[in-house]
Structure formats: C-alpha cells, structure tokens
Amino acid sequence: MHRSPPAQPETAAVQSPCLARSVLRDAVDLYVAVADHDRIEMRAFAALVDGLLDVARLDDRLHVAEKLAPRRDVPVELMRRLALDEAAVARPVILASPLLGPADLEEALKRGPDHLRAVATRLARSEEHTSELQSQFRISYAVFCLKK
C-alpha cells in the first residue's frame, strides 16, 4: 500500500493570520512599553517580528513602523526593512528613525517617488545628513521629474 508523505507542518502564522496579527501587535506594544532593551532582547524581538512581518497586512506593518520609528533600541536591520517597505509603512520610519543613516536613506530614495518625498521631508527638517546625500536627493528628484 502506498502512503503519501506526511504534510509539512505549517507555522502558526500561516495557519492563523488572525493569531499572527494579534501576536505581532501585542509583541510590538509590549516592547515599546519598556523604556530600553538589551541586545539579547532586541535580537529576540527582531527574530519574532521579522517572521511575522512576512505575513502581516499593510495596516499591521504600519502599526509596527509607527510604534518603532522613534526608538533607538530596535535592531537597525528591522528599521531598514520597514524603511524599504511600501510607502505608507516606510514614511514614519524614514521621518523619525534615529537609526537610519545616509546610506539607508539613499537606498530608500530608489524605492519610488513616495519614499523620495519622505526622505526630502526628513532632510528639510534636519541638518544631520551630509551634502553628498542632499546632492543624491537632488539628482534622484531631477530624474524623477524628467520621467513624468
């Protein structure tokens, strides 16, 4: 008698999107309720959230971005991921994250006009970035305008 191989177990997130949504939002809300985190907590949080972001809806990713954007105790890789997400998710991170540097913002510029506008808004608010990034923005904006 031929038996088919057992089905591969799926993650809880795939089996239950509602559960994943709840876990993601609760994890973020609990994380930001504490003033500061050590490296071990940051790594564990990033591993959890990174996996849940893979299946998260836009409004849930936006919730994550808005809550984490101003924080310094979030792994920079997670903030980079959010900064390169859809424009609605990326905007609060681009505008407020103290973890993003000029190279991160330059990468965000390449994602499209909405990301470009968010970077321009951040640059207009701050003198923190080099003239090299501002020059890159001007070039990117000029190319964007020419393509219209």
N, C-alpha and C. Protein backbone atom coordinates (compact mmCIF):
# COMPACT_ATOMS: atom_id res chain seq x y z
N MET A 1 0.84 -1.17 0.00
CA MET A 1 0.00 0.00 0.00
C MET A 1 0.89 1.24 0.00
N HIS A 2 0.58 2.19 -0.85
CA HIS A 2 1.37 3.41 -1.00
C HIS A 2 0.78 4.51 -0.13
N ARG A 3 1.62 5.06 0.69
CA ARG A 3 1.17 6.17 1.53
C ARG A 3 1.85 7.45 1.06
N SER A 4 1.11 8.50 1.04
CA SER A 4 1.71 9.78 0.69
C SER A 4 2.48 10.30 1.89
N PRO A 5 3.53 11.07 1.62
CA PRO A 5 4.32 11.60 2.74
C PRO A 5 3.47 12.52 3.60
N PRO A 6 3.80 12.58 4.88
CA PRO A 6 3.02 13.46 5.76
C PRO A 6 3.16 14.91 5.33
N ALA A 7 2.11 15.65 5.50
CA ALA A 7 2.14 17.07 5.16
C ALA A 7 3.14 17.78 6.07
N GLN A 8 3.80 18.76 5.50
CA GLN A 8 4.75 19.56 6.28
C GLN A 8 3.97 20.44 7.25
N PRO A 9 4.42 20.50 8.49
CA PRO A 9 3.71 21.38 9.43
C PRO A 9 3.90 22.83 9.03
N GLU A 10 2.84 23.58 9.10
CA GLU A 10 2.91 25.00 8.79
C GLU A 10 3.08 25.77 10.08
N THR A 11 3.58 26.97 9.93
CA THR A 11 3.73 27.80 11.12
C THR A 11 2.36 28.27 11.58
N ALA A 12 2.28 28.67 12.81
CA ALA A 12 1.02 29.18 13.35
C ALA A 12 0.58 30.42 12.60
N ALA A 13 1.55 31.21 12.15
CA ALA A 13 1.22 32.44 11.43
C ALA A 13 0.50 32.13 10.12
N VAL A 14 0.95 31.10 9.42
CA VAL A 14 0.31 30.74 8.16
C VAL A 14 -1.04 30.10 8.43
N GLN A 15 -1.14 29.28 9.46
CA GLN A 15 -2.39 28.61 9.79
C GLN A 15 -3.45 29.59 10.28
N SER A 16 -3.03 30.60 10.98
CA SER A 16 -3.98 31.53 11.57
C SER A 16 -3.50 32.96 11.41
N PRO A 17 -3.89 33.63 10.32
CA PRO A 17 -3.48 35.03 10.14
C PRO A 17 -3.94 35.93 11.28
N CYS A 18 -5.09 35.62 11.85
CA CYS A 18 -5.58 36.44 12.98
C CYS A 18 -4.66 36.31 14.19
N LEU A 19 -4.17 35.10 14.42
CA LEU A 19 -3.24 34.88 15.52
C LEU A 19 -1.93 35.63 15.27
N ALA A 20 -1.43 35.55 14.05
CA ALA A 20 -0.18 36.25 13.71
C ALA A 20 -0.35 37.75 13.89
N ARG A 21 -1.49 38.27 13.47
CA ARG A 21 -1.76 39.70 13.60
C ARG A 21 -1.76 40.11 15.07
N SER A 22 -2.42 39.33 15.88
CA SER A 22 -2.51 39.61 17.31
C SER A 22 -1.13 39.52 17.97
N VAL A 23 -0.38 38.49 17.63
CA VAL A 23 0.96 38.32 18.22
C VAL A 23 1.86 39.48 17.81
N LEU A 24 1.82 39.87 16.54
CA LEU A 24 2.65 40.98 16.07
C LEU A 24 2.33 42.26 16.81
N ARG A 25 1.08 42.62 16.85
CA ARG A 25 0.69 43.88 17.51
C ARG A 25 0.99 43.84 19.01
N ASP A 26 0.68 42.72 19.65
CA ASP A 26 0.94 42.61 21.09
C ASP A 26 2.44 42.66 21.39
N ALA A 27 3.23 41.97 20.58
CA ALA A 27 4.69 41.97 20.79
C ALA A 27 5.25 43.38 20.68
N VAL A 28 4.81 44.12 19.67
CA VAL A 28 5.30 45.49 19.49
C VAL A 28 4.84 46.38 20.63
N ASP A 29 3.57 46.27 21.00
CA ASP A 29 3.06 47.11 22.09
C ASP A 29 3.77 46.82 23.41
N LEU A 30 4.03 45.55 23.69
CA LEU A 30 4.77 45.20 24.91
C LEU A 30 6.21 45.69 24.85
N TYR A 31 6.82 45.59 23.68
CA TYR A 31 8.22 46.02 23.52
C TYR A 31 8.36 47.51 23.79
N VAL A 32 7.47 48.31 23.22
CA VAL A 32 7.60 49.76 23.40
C VAL A 32 7.14 50.22 24.78
N ALA A 33 6.48 49.35 25.54
CA ALA A 33 6.05 49.71 26.89
C ALA A 33 7.23 49.79 27.86
N VAL A 34 8.35 49.18 27.47
CA VAL A 34 9.57 49.21 28.29
C VAL A 34 10.51 50.25 27.69
N ALA A 35 11.13 51.03 28.56
CA ALA A 35 11.95 52.15 28.10
C ALA A 35 13.17 51.75 27.29
N ASP A 36 13.82 50.65 27.62
CA ASP A 36 15.05 50.28 26.93
C ASP A 36 15.23 48.77 26.99
N HIS A 37 15.96 48.23 26.02
CA HIS A 37 16.18 46.79 25.93
C HIS A 37 17.65 46.49 25.70
N ASP A 38 18.11 45.34 26.23
CA ASP A 38 19.49 44.93 25.97
C ASP A 38 19.57 44.20 24.63
N ARG A 39 20.78 43.86 24.21
CA ARG A 39 21.00 43.24 22.89
C ARG A 39 20.26 41.91 22.73
N ILE A 40 20.22 41.12 23.78
CA ILE A 40 19.54 39.82 23.70
C ILE A 40 18.04 40.02 23.46
N GLU A 41 17.44 40.93 24.19
CA GLU A 41 16.02 41.22 24.00
C GLU A 41 15.76 41.78 22.60
N MET A 42 16.65 42.64 22.14
CA MET A 42 16.49 43.21 20.81
C MET A 42 16.55 42.14 19.73
N ARG A 43 17.50 41.20 19.86
CA ARG A 43 17.62 40.13 18.86
C ARG A 43 16.39 39.22 18.87
N ALA A 44 15.92 38.88 20.05
CA ALA A 44 14.74 38.00 20.16
C ALA A 44 13.51 38.70 19.57
N PHE A 45 13.36 39.97 19.88
CA PHE A 45 12.24 40.73 19.34
C PHE A 45 12.31 40.81 17.82
N ALA A 46 13.48 41.11 17.31
CA ALA A 46 13.64 41.23 15.85
C ALA A 46 13.35 39.91 15.15
N ALA A 47 13.77 38.81 15.74
CA ALA A 47 13.51 37.49 15.13
C ALA A 47 12.01 37.21 15.08
N LEU A 48 11.32 37.52 16.15
CA LEU A 48 9.87 37.31 16.19
C LEU A 48 9.16 38.21 15.18
N VAL A 49 9.45 39.49 15.24
CA VAL A 49 8.76 40.45 14.38
C VAL A 49 9.11 40.24 12.91
N ASP A 50 10.35 39.94 12.62
CA ASP A 50 10.75 39.73 11.22
C ASP A 50 9.94 38.60 10.59
N GLY A 51 9.77 37.51 11.31
CA GLY A 51 8.97 36.41 10.79
C GLY A 51 7.51 36.76 10.62
N LEU A 52 6.97 37.53 11.54
CA LEU A 52 5.56 37.91 11.46
C LEU A 52 5.31 38.97 10.38
N LEU A 53 6.30 39.80 10.11
CA LEU A 53 6.14 40.81 9.06
C LEU A 53 5.97 40.16 7.69
N ASP A 54 6.53 38.97 7.53
CA ASP A 54 6.42 38.27 6.25
C ASP A 54 4.97 38.00 5.87
N VAL A 55 4.09 37.85 6.84
CA VAL A 55 2.69 37.53 6.57
C VAL A 55 1.74 38.64 7.02
N ALA A 56 2.28 39.77 7.47
CA ALA A 56 1.47 40.85 8.03
C ALA A 56 0.80 41.68 6.94
N ARG A 57 -0.37 42.16 7.27
CA ARG A 57 -1.09 43.08 6.39
C ARG A 57 -0.49 44.47 6.49
N LEU A 58 -0.84 45.31 5.53
CA LEU A 58 -0.31 46.67 5.48
C LEU A 58 -0.60 47.44 6.77
N ASP A 59 -1.82 47.38 7.28
CA ASP A 59 -2.14 48.14 8.48
C ASP A 59 -1.36 47.65 9.70
N ASP A 60 -1.05 46.37 9.74
CA ASP A 60 -0.25 45.86 10.85
C ASP A 60 1.21 46.29 10.72
N ARG A 61 1.74 46.29 9.51
CA ARG A 61 3.12 46.76 9.30
C ARG A 61 3.22 48.25 9.61
N LEU A 62 2.19 49.00 9.27
CA LEU A 62 2.16 50.42 9.60
C LEU A 62 2.16 50.62 11.11
N HIS A 63 1.39 49.82 11.84
CA HIS A 63 1.38 49.88 13.30
C HIS A 63 2.78 49.67 13.86
N VAL A 64 3.47 48.66 13.33
CA VAL A 64 4.84 48.36 13.76
C VAL A 64 5.75 49.56 13.48
N ALA A 65 5.66 50.09 12.27
CA ALA A 65 6.51 51.21 11.87
C ALA A 65 6.29 52.43 12.75
N GLU A 66 5.04 52.77 13.00
CA GLU A 66 4.74 53.95 13.81
C GLU A 66 5.22 53.80 15.24
N LYS A 67 5.08 52.61 15.80
CA LYS A 67 5.49 52.39 17.19
C LYS A 67 7.02 52.36 17.34
N LEU A 68 7.71 51.77 16.36
CA LEU A 68 9.15 51.58 16.49
C LEU A 68 9.99 52.72 15.93
N ALA A 69 9.42 53.53 15.06
CA ALA A 69 10.20 54.56 14.35
C ALA A 69 11.08 55.43 15.25
N PRO A 70 10.59 55.97 16.34
CA PRO A 70 11.45 56.87 17.13
C PRO A 70 12.42 56.16 18.08
N ARG A 71 12.37 54.85 18.15
CA ARG A 71 13.16 54.11 19.15
C ARG A 71 14.60 53.90 18.70
N ARG A 72 15.50 53.89 19.68
CA ARG A 72 16.91 53.59 19.43
C ARG A 72 17.24 52.14 19.77
N ASP A 73 16.36 51.48 20.49
CA ASP A 73 16.63 50.11 20.96
C ASP A 73 15.94 49.06 20.08
N VAL A 74 16.02 49.27 18.79
CA VAL A 74 15.47 48.34 17.81
C VAL A 74 16.62 47.98 16.87
N PRO A 75 16.77 46.72 16.50
CA PRO A 75 17.84 46.39 15.57
C PRO A 75 17.71 47.18 14.26
N VAL A 76 18.81 47.74 13.82
CA VAL A 76 18.79 48.59 12.63
C VAL A 76 18.31 47.82 11.40
N GLU A 77 18.56 46.52 11.35
CA GLU A 77 18.10 45.73 10.20
C GLU A 77 16.57 45.76 10.10
N LEU A 78 15.89 45.74 11.23
CA LEU A 78 14.44 45.79 11.23
C LEU A 78 13.96 47.16 10.74
N MET A 79 14.63 48.21 11.17
CA MET A 79 14.25 49.56 10.72
C MET A 79 14.53 49.73 9.22
N ARG A 80 15.62 49.16 8.75
CA ARG A 80 15.90 49.22 7.31
C ARG A 80 14.82 48.50 6.53
N ARG A 81 14.40 47.35 7.02
CA ARG A 81 13.34 46.60 6.33
C ARG A 81 12.07 47.44 6.24
N LEU A 82 11.70 48.07 7.34
CA LEU A 82 10.49 48.90 7.34
C LEU A 82 10.65 50.12 6.44
N ALA A 83 11.83 50.69 6.39
CA ALA A 83 12.09 51.87 5.55
C ALA A 83 12.00 51.55 4.06
N LEU A 84 12.15 50.28 3.72
CA LEU A 84 12.09 49.88 2.31
C LEU A 84 10.76 49.21 1.97
N ASP A 85 9.84 49.18 2.91
CA ASP A 85 8.51 48.59 2.71
C ASP A 85 7.69 49.55 1.83
N GLU A 86 6.41 49.27 1.68
CA GLU A 86 5.53 50.17 0.95
C GLU A 86 5.60 51.56 1.57
N ALA A 87 5.31 52.57 0.78
CA ALA A 87 5.49 53.96 1.20
C ALA A 87 4.77 54.30 2.50
N ALA A 88 3.56 53.81 2.69
CA ALA A 88 2.81 54.13 3.91
C ALA A 88 3.53 53.61 5.15
N VAL A 89 4.16 52.46 5.04
CA VAL A 89 4.90 51.86 6.15
C VAL A 89 6.25 52.56 6.31
N ALA A 90 6.89 52.84 5.20
CA ALA A 90 8.24 53.42 5.23
C ALA A 90 8.25 54.85 5.76
N ARG A 91 7.23 55.61 5.45
CA ARG A 91 7.23 57.05 5.79
C ARG A 91 7.52 57.34 7.27
N PRO A 92 6.82 56.76 8.23
CA PRO A 92 7.13 57.11 9.62
C PRO A 92 8.55 56.71 10.02
N VAL A 93 9.05 55.66 9.45
CA VAL A 93 10.41 55.22 9.77
C VAL A 93 11.43 56.18 9.17
N ILE A 94 11.24 56.52 7.91
CA ILE A 94 12.15 57.45 7.24
C ILE A 94 12.16 58.80 7.96
N LEU A 95 10.99 59.25 8.37
CA LEU A 95 10.91 60.56 9.02
C LEU A 95 11.48 60.59 10.43
N ALA A 96 11.35 59.49 11.17
CA ALA A 96 11.66 59.57 12.61
C ALA A 96 12.78 58.67 13.12
N SER A 97 13.20 57.68 12.36
CA SER A 97 14.16 56.74 12.94
C SER A 97 15.55 57.35 13.10
N PRO A 98 16.05 57.34 14.33
CA PRO A 98 17.42 57.83 14.55
C PRO A 98 18.47 56.80 14.11
N LEU A 99 18.02 55.61 13.73
CA LEU A 99 18.95 54.54 13.37
C LEU A 99 19.34 54.56 11.89
N LEU A 100 18.56 55.23 11.07
CA LEU A 100 18.85 55.25 9.64
C LEU A 100 19.92 56.28 9.33
N GLY A 101 20.91 55.84 8.60
CA GLY A 101 21.98 56.74 8.20
C GLY A 101 21.83 57.15 6.75
N PRO A 102 22.79 57.93 6.25
CA PRO A 102 22.73 58.39 4.86
C PRO A 102 22.62 57.26 3.84
N ALA A 103 23.33 56.16 4.04
CA ALA A 103 23.26 55.05 3.09
C ALA A 103 21.86 54.42 3.08
N ASP A 104 21.22 54.34 4.25
CA ASP A 104 19.87 53.80 4.34
C ASP A 104 18.87 54.71 3.62
N LEU A 105 19.03 56.00 3.81
CA LEU A 105 18.13 56.95 3.15
C LEU A 105 18.36 56.95 1.64
N GLU A 106 19.60 56.81 1.24
CA GLU A 106 19.90 56.74 -0.19
C GLU A 106 19.24 55.51 -0.80
N GLU A 107 19.25 54.40 -0.09
CA GLU A 107 18.59 53.18 -0.58
C GLU A 107 17.08 53.40 -0.66
N ALA A 108 16.52 54.09 0.30
CA ALA A 108 15.08 54.37 0.29
C ALA A 108 14.69 55.24 -0.90
N LEU A 109 15.58 56.14 -1.29
CA LEU A 109 15.31 57.01 -2.45
C LEU A 109 14.97 56.19 -3.69
N LYS A 110 15.56 55.03 -3.81
CA LYS A 110 15.42 54.21 -5.00
C LYS A 110 14.07 53.50 -5.07
N ARG A 111 13.30 53.55 -4.00
CA ARG A 111 12.04 52.80 -3.94
C ARG A 111 10.89 53.50 -4.67
N GLY A 112 11.04 54.78 -4.94
CA GLY A 112 9.98 55.46 -5.69
C GLY A 112 9.71 56.85 -5.18
N PRO A 113 8.77 57.54 -5.83
CA PRO A 113 8.52 58.94 -5.52
C PRO A 113 8.01 59.20 -4.10
N ASP A 114 7.22 58.28 -3.55
CA ASP A 114 6.72 58.49 -2.19
C ASP A 114 7.84 58.37 -1.15
N HIS A 115 8.73 57.43 -1.37
CA HIS A 115 9.90 57.29 -0.49
C HIS A 115 10.79 58.53 -0.64
N LEU A 116 10.94 58.98 -1.86
CA LEU A 116 11.76 60.16 -2.13
C LEU A 116 11.20 61.38 -1.39
N ARG A 117 9.88 61.54 -1.42
CA ARG A 117 9.27 62.66 -0.69
C ARG A 117 9.50 62.55 0.81
N ALA A 118 9.43 61.35 1.35
CA ALA A 118 9.67 61.17 2.78
C ALA A 118 11.11 61.54 3.14
N VAL A 119 12.06 61.12 2.31
CA VAL A 119 13.46 61.48 2.55
C VAL A 119 13.63 62.99 2.44
N ALA A 120 13.01 63.60 1.45
CA ALA A 120 13.11 65.06 1.29
C ALA A 120 12.56 65.78 2.51
N THR A 121 11.46 65.29 3.04
CA THR A 121 10.87 65.90 4.24
C THR A 121 11.82 65.77 5.42
N ARG A 122 12.43 64.61 5.56
CA ARG A 122 13.40 64.41 6.65
C ARG A 122 14.58 65.35 6.50
N LEU A 123 15.09 65.47 5.29
CA LEU A 123 16.24 66.35 5.06
C LEU A 123 15.89 67.81 5.32
N ALA A 124 14.67 68.20 4.97
CA ALA A 124 14.24 69.58 5.19
C ALA A 124 14.14 69.90 6.68
N ARG A 125 13.86 68.88 7.49
CA ARG A 125 13.73 69.07 8.93
C ARG A 125 15.06 69.05 9.67
N SER A 126 16.09 68.56 9.02
CA SER A 126 17.33 68.28 9.76
C SER A 126 18.57 68.64 8.97
N GLU A 127 19.60 68.98 9.70
CA GLU A 127 20.90 69.24 9.10
C GLU A 127 21.85 68.07 9.32
N GLU A 128 21.32 66.94 9.79
CA GLU A 128 22.17 65.83 10.21
C GLU A 128 22.88 65.11 9.07
N HIS A 129 22.39 65.25 7.85
CA HIS A 129 22.94 64.46 6.76
C HIS A 129 23.93 65.25 5.92
N THR A 130 24.79 64.52 5.29
CA THR A 130 25.86 65.13 4.52
C THR A 130 25.34 65.78 3.25
N SER A 131 26.13 66.67 2.73
CA SER A 131 25.76 67.31 1.46
C SER A 131 25.77 66.29 0.33
N GLU A 132 26.53 65.22 0.49
CA GLU A 132 26.55 64.16 -0.52
C GLU A 132 25.16 63.54 -0.67
N LEU A 133 24.48 63.26 0.44
CA LEU A 133 23.14 62.70 0.37
C LEU A 133 22.18 63.73 -0.21
N GLN A 134 22.33 64.98 0.17
CA GLN A 134 21.46 66.01 -0.39
C GLN A 134 21.66 66.13 -1.90
N SER A 135 22.89 65.99 -2.35
CA SER A 135 23.16 66.00 -3.80
C SER A 135 22.51 64.80 -4.46
N GLN A 136 22.62 63.63 -3.84
CA GLN A 136 21.99 62.43 -4.38
C GLN A 136 20.47 62.62 -4.47
N PHE A 137 19.89 63.26 -3.47
CA PHE A 137 18.46 63.52 -3.50
C PHE A 137 18.12 64.43 -4.67
N ARG A 138 18.88 65.49 -4.87
CA ARG A 138 18.60 66.41 -5.98
C ARG A 138 18.67 65.69 -7.32
N ILE A 139 19.66 64.83 -7.48
CA ILE A 139 19.80 64.07 -8.73
C ILE A 139 18.62 63.13 -8.90
N SER A 140 18.27 62.40 -7.85
CA SER A 140 17.14 61.47 -7.92
C SER A 140 15.84 62.19 -8.21
N TYR A 141 15.66 63.34 -7.60
CA TYR A 141 14.43 64.10 -7.81
C TYR A 141 14.38 64.63 -9.25
N ALA A 142 15.50 65.09 -9.75
CA ALA A 142 15.56 65.56 -11.14
C ALA A 142 15.22 64.44 -12.11
N VAL A 143 15.75 63.26 -11.87
CA VAL A 143 15.45 62.11 -12.73
C VAL A 143 13.98 61.75 -12.63
N PHE A 144 13.44 61.79 -11.43
CA PHE A 144 12.00 61.52 -11.24
C PHE A 144 11.17 62.51 -12.03
N CYS A 145 11.50 63.78 -11.97
CA CYS A 145 10.73 64.80 -12.68
C CYS A 145 10.83 64.63 -14.19
N LEU A 146 12.00 64.25 -14.68
CA LEU A 146 12.19 64.03 -16.10
C LEU A 146 11.38 62.85 -16.62
N LYS A 147 11.16 61.86 -15.77
CA LYS A 147 10.41 60.67 -16.17
C LYS A 147 8.91 60.93 -16.23
N LYS A 148 8.43 61.98 -15.59
CA LYS A 148 6.98 62.28 -15.57
C LYS A 148 6.46 62.65 -16.92
